[in-house]
Amino acid sequence: MPHSTAEILQSPSFQALLRARRRVRITMTLLLLISYAFFIGGMVLYQDWFASPISAESSIPIGIPATVLVLITMVVLQYIYTTISERYLDVLQETAKKELSL
């Protein structure tokens, strides 16, 4: 039996899915923005420190490994989001599908 859009939107399992998905997305977006803000803010406020070499014998500035760390952080956050999606959000989606017989 086909369900109307209103029935689907009012379904408790669909509402739970929407709440969980919103919560995960907001959390991950905030973590991403905080990471960027610390990096960009650090580059602006501590230019001399980021430009200083890693060690006395090195010509590599501290900013290079800091940039790599930010990139690694972005990959890790993407992995975390994918894992949460597969283990938690997909399960909620399947529950909503079963409840609504879709």
Protein backbone atom coordinates (compact mmCIF):
# COMPACT_ATOMS: atom_id res chain seq x y z
CA MET A 1 0.00 0.00 0.00
CA PRO A 2 1.58 3.34 -1.02
CA HIS A 3 2.08 5.86 1.72
CA SER A 4 1.51 9.57 1.36
CA THR A 5 4.36 11.95 1.93
CA ALA A 6 2.69 13.20 5.10
CA GLU A 7 2.49 9.64 6.52
CA ILE A 8 6.17 9.06 5.81
CA LEU A 9 7.22 12.37 7.34
CA GLN A 10 5.15 11.72 10.48
CA SER A 11 6.50 8.20 10.97
CA PRO A 12 8.40 7.83 14.29
CA SER A 13 11.17 5.77 12.68
CA PHE A 14 11.62 8.32 9.89
CA GLN A 15 11.71 11.12 12.45
CA ALA A 16 14.38 9.21 14.43
CA LEU A 17 16.43 8.83 11.24
CA LEU A 18 16.19 12.55 10.49
CA ARG A 19 17.18 13.52 14.04
CA ALA A 20 20.16 11.15 14.07
CA ARG A 21 21.34 12.21 10.64
CA ARG A 22 21.06 15.90 11.56
CA ARG A 23 22.95 15.36 14.82
CA VAL A 24 25.78 13.49 13.09
CA ARG A 25 26.07 16.04 10.29
CA ILE A 26 26.13 19.03 12.64
CA THR A 27 28.72 17.39 14.89
CA MET A 28 30.99 16.47 12.00
CA THR A 29 30.65 19.92 10.43
CA LEU A 30 31.54 21.59 13.72
CA LEU A 31 34.60 19.36 14.15
CA LEU A 32 35.70 20.22 10.62
CA LEU A 33 35.20 23.96 11.13
CA ILE A 34 37.02 23.90 14.48
CA SER A 35 39.94 22.08 12.90
CA TYR A 36 40.16 24.61 10.07
CA ALA A 37 39.72 27.54 12.45
CA PHE A 38 42.61 26.42 14.68
CA PHE A 39 44.83 25.86 11.66
CA ILE A 40 44.02 29.12 9.87
CA GLY A 41 43.98 31.07 13.13
CA GLY A 42 47.32 29.58 14.11
CA MET A 43 48.81 30.44 10.73
CA VAL A 44 47.61 34.04 11.04
CA LEU A 45 48.49 34.61 14.70
CA TYR A 46 51.73 32.59 14.88
CA GLN A 47 53.29 33.16 11.47
CA ASP A 48 56.83 33.20 12.82
CA TRP A 49 56.39 29.91 14.66
CA PHE A 50 54.87 28.16 11.61
CA ALA A 51 57.71 29.55 9.46
CA SER A 52 60.44 28.37 11.84
CA PRO A 53 62.27 25.15 10.93
CA ILE A 54 61.39 21.84 12.58
CA SER A 55 64.91 21.52 13.96
CA ALA A 56 68.12 23.52 13.79
CA GLU A 57 69.45 21.45 10.87
CA SER A 58 66.17 21.33 8.92
CA SER A 59 64.95 23.65 6.21
CA ILE A 60 61.38 22.33 6.48
CA PRO A 61 59.11 24.80 8.29
CA ILE A 62 56.70 23.65 11.00
CA GLY A 63 53.81 24.73 8.77
CA ILE A 64 54.38 21.80 6.38
CA PRO A 65 53.77 19.02 8.96
CA ALA A 66 50.93 21.10 10.44
CA THR A 67 49.27 21.18 7.01
CA VAL A 68 49.73 17.43 6.62
CA LEU A 69 48.19 16.93 10.07
CA VAL A 70 45.12 18.95 9.03
CA LEU A 71 44.78 16.87 5.87
CA ILE A 72 45.04 13.65 7.87
CA THR A 73 42.44 15.00 10.29
CA MET A 74 40.05 15.62 7.38
CA VAL A 75 40.52 12.05 6.12
CA VAL A 76 39.94 10.67 9.63
CA LEU A 77 36.77 12.74 10.02
CA GLN A 78 35.51 11.44 6.68
CA TYR A 79 36.24 7.87 7.81
CA ILE A 80 34.40 8.45 11.09
CA TYR A 81 31.38 9.85 9.25
CA THR A 82 31.31 6.88 6.86
CA THR A 83 31.59 4.41 9.73
CA ILE A 84 28.80 6.09 11.71
CA SER A 85 26.68 6.18 8.58
CA GLU A 86 27.16 2.48 7.87
CA ARG A 87 26.71 1.25 11.43
CA TYR A 88 24.05 3.58 12.74
CA LEU A 89 22.28 5.68 10.12
CA ASP A 90 21.86 2.87 7.59
CA VAL A 91 20.29 0.70 10.31
CA LEU A 92 17.82 3.47 11.14
CA GLN A 93 17.03 3.85 7.45
CA GLU A 94 16.33 0.13 7.06
CA THR A 95 14.09 0.23 10.13
CA ALA A 96 12.11 3.11 8.65
CA LYS A 97 11.81 1.28 5.32
CA LYS A 98 10.52 -1.87 7.02
CA GLU A 99 8.04 0.06 9.16
CA LEU A 100 6.68 1.86 6.11
CA SER A 101 6.91 -1.20 3.86
CA LEU A 102 8.91 0.65 1.24
